[in-house]
Each structure stands twice: as C-alpha cells, then as structure tokens.
Amino acid sequence: MVVEWLGIIKKQPAEIVTENVDFKNVIRSGEVASSVAVAVFDNSLTNVTNSYISGTPTTSSNGFTQFVLQAGSHGDYRDVRVRLTTDAGNVYEEDLLLRVWEIGGASDF
C-alpha cells in the first residue's frame, strides 16, 4: 500500500489536541461538505480509532474539518484517514501520519 501523507502530526502521549484538515481547495465549486469521518490505523492496518479520536469530528460547509486526538504510546506511528463527503455524493480523502513521542521517554509526572 502506498500512502501519500498530507502532513505529519506530532504529539506526546498525554496531549489532547485539536487537529484539522481543510478540503476547500479539493471540493468542487458549488459543492457543500455534508459529513466527515476520521479513522486511525496501526501498522498492521487494524482500526484503532477508538483509542485515538475523542468525540465526533466536525466539518463546515466549505470543507474545513476538525477532530480531537488523544492518547497513544511512545513510538506509535499511525495513519489518520480523514474522509469528507459532499452533497453531490463525492468523497474526498486525506491521510496524515501521526507520530507519538514522549520527550525524555518518561510518561509520569
């Protein structure tokens, strides 16, 4: 499988961060974003979304999407797949690489 990453998200295990993908330059003129789904996959392509996504992803009509990432373990590399559907029935997808890294290697306060 060949994946072209839109970008790289770097976070530490304890961080809870809001991330976004902007599809405004991807959707066609006149289309309106109607829904978004975000999934997270590990290296063996197992769906691990429930461990990494908090809450429900959102999108505006022009395709600006937001989702909240949580948790992860030091050294994790994950594929974050964002799929936007429009009122015209078109589906657009972007992939991001998530890297979880504990600075200093310690996870306790």
Protein backbone atom coordinates (compact mmCIF):
# COMPACT_ATOMS: atom_id res chain seq x y z
CA MET A 1 0.00 0.00 0.00
CA VAL A 2 1.37 3.41 -0.98
CA VAL A 3 0.18 6.38 1.05
CA GLU A 4 0.98 9.98 0.25
CA TRP A 5 0.82 11.87 3.53
CA LEU A 6 -0.83 15.27 3.60
CA GLY A 7 1.23 16.07 6.68
CA ILE A 8 2.70 14.81 9.94
CA ILE A 9 1.08 15.28 13.34
CA LYS A 10 3.47 15.08 16.29
CA LYS A 11 2.13 14.71 19.81
CA GLN A 12 3.09 13.36 23.21
CA PRO A 13 1.02 10.55 24.81
CA ALA A 14 -0.68 12.77 27.43
CA GLU A 15 -1.61 15.52 24.97
CA ILE A 16 -5.17 16.02 23.77
CA VAL A 17 -5.04 18.19 20.65
CA THR A 18 -7.49 19.52 18.07
CA GLU A 19 -6.30 18.96 14.52
CA ASN A 20 -7.83 19.99 11.21
CA VAL A 21 -7.82 19.26 7.50
CA ASP A 22 -9.02 21.89 5.06
CA PHE A 23 -10.67 20.44 1.94
CA LYS A 24 -11.67 23.85 0.49
CA ASN A 25 -9.14 23.55 -2.35
CA VAL A 26 -10.25 19.98 -3.08
CA ILE A 27 -14.04 20.14 -3.26
CA ARG A 28 -15.55 21.45 -6.47
CA SER A 29 -17.20 24.81 -6.88
CA GLY A 30 -20.81 24.63 -5.72
CA GLU A 31 -20.30 21.51 -3.60
CA VAL A 32 -21.12 21.62 0.08
CA ALA A 33 -19.43 19.38 2.63
CA SER A 34 -22.08 17.26 4.32
CA SER A 35 -20.18 14.85 6.58
CA VAL A 36 -16.73 13.85 7.74
CA ALA A 37 -15.33 10.64 9.19
CA VAL A 38 -11.91 10.10 10.75
CA ALA A 39 -10.27 6.71 11.27
CA VAL A 40 -6.92 5.75 12.72
CA PHE A 41 -4.99 2.62 11.64
CA ASP A 42 -1.91 0.98 13.13
CA ASN A 43 0.96 -0.55 11.17
CA SER A 44 -0.95 -3.77 10.53
CA LEU A 45 -3.96 -1.74 9.24
CA THR A 46 -6.03 -2.57 12.32
CA ASN A 47 -8.61 0.11 13.06
CA VAL A 48 -7.63 1.74 16.39
CA THR A 49 -9.83 4.83 16.08
CA ASN A 50 -11.48 4.49 19.50
CA SER A 51 -8.08 4.72 21.20
CA TYR A 52 -7.06 7.93 19.42
CA ILE A 53 -10.14 10.01 18.46
CA SER A 54 -12.10 11.82 21.15
CA GLY A 55 -15.64 12.95 20.41
CA THR A 56 -17.17 13.41 16.96
CA PRO A 57 -15.28 15.02 14.06
CA THR A 58 -16.92 18.12 12.57
CA THR A 59 -16.91 19.89 9.20
CA SER A 60 -18.11 23.23 7.93
CA SER A 61 -19.94 23.59 4.62
CA ASN A 62 -16.71 24.68 2.86
CA GLY A 63 -14.82 21.55 3.96
CA PHE A 64 -12.86 22.74 7.00
CA THR A 65 -12.76 19.68 9.26
CA GLN A 66 -11.74 19.30 12.89
CA PHE A 67 -11.11 16.30 15.15
CA VAL A 68 -9.54 15.69 18.54
CA LEU A 69 -6.60 13.32 19.01
CA GLN A 70 -5.85 11.76 22.36
CA ALA A 71 -3.62 9.13 23.96
CA GLY A 72 -1.12 6.95 22.13
CA SER A 73 2.08 5.35 23.32
CA HIS A 74 5.67 6.44 22.92
CA GLY A 75 6.90 5.33 19.50
CA ASP A 76 3.48 4.92 17.87
CA TYR A 77 3.20 5.74 14.17
CA ARG A 78 -0.41 5.78 12.93
CA ASP A 79 -2.29 6.55 9.72
CA VAL A 80 -5.02 9.13 10.35
CA ARG A 81 -7.50 8.98 7.48
CA VAL A 82 -9.96 11.86 7.02
CA ARG A 83 -12.87 11.24 4.63
CA LEU A 84 -15.18 14.07 3.56
CA THR A 85 -18.50 13.52 1.76
CA THR A 86 -20.28 16.31 -0.12
CA ASP A 87 -23.90 16.98 -1.03
CA ALA A 88 -23.01 15.92 -4.60
CA GLY A 89 -22.09 12.45 -3.33
CA ASN A 90 -18.36 12.93 -3.93
CA VAL A 91 -15.96 11.51 -1.36
CA TYR A 92 -12.54 13.05 -0.75
CA GLU A 93 -9.86 11.54 1.45
CA GLU A 94 -6.61 12.74 3.00
CA ASP A 95 -4.09 10.81 5.11
CA LEU A 96 -1.93 12.19 7.88
CA LEU A 97 0.92 10.47 9.70
CA LEU A 98 0.60 10.57 13.49
CA ARG A 99 3.81 10.24 15.47
CA VAL A 100 3.53 9.83 19.24
CA TRP A 101 6.76 10.57 21.05
CA GLU A 102 7.39 11.10 24.76
CA ILE A 103 10.12 13.70 25.15
CA GLY A 104 12.70 12.22 27.51
CA GLY A 105 10.95 8.83 27.43
CA ALA A 106 9.18 9.32 30.78
CA SER A 107 5.40 9.41 30.94
CA ASP A 108 4.85 10.07 34.69
CA PHE A 109 4.56 13.49 36.29
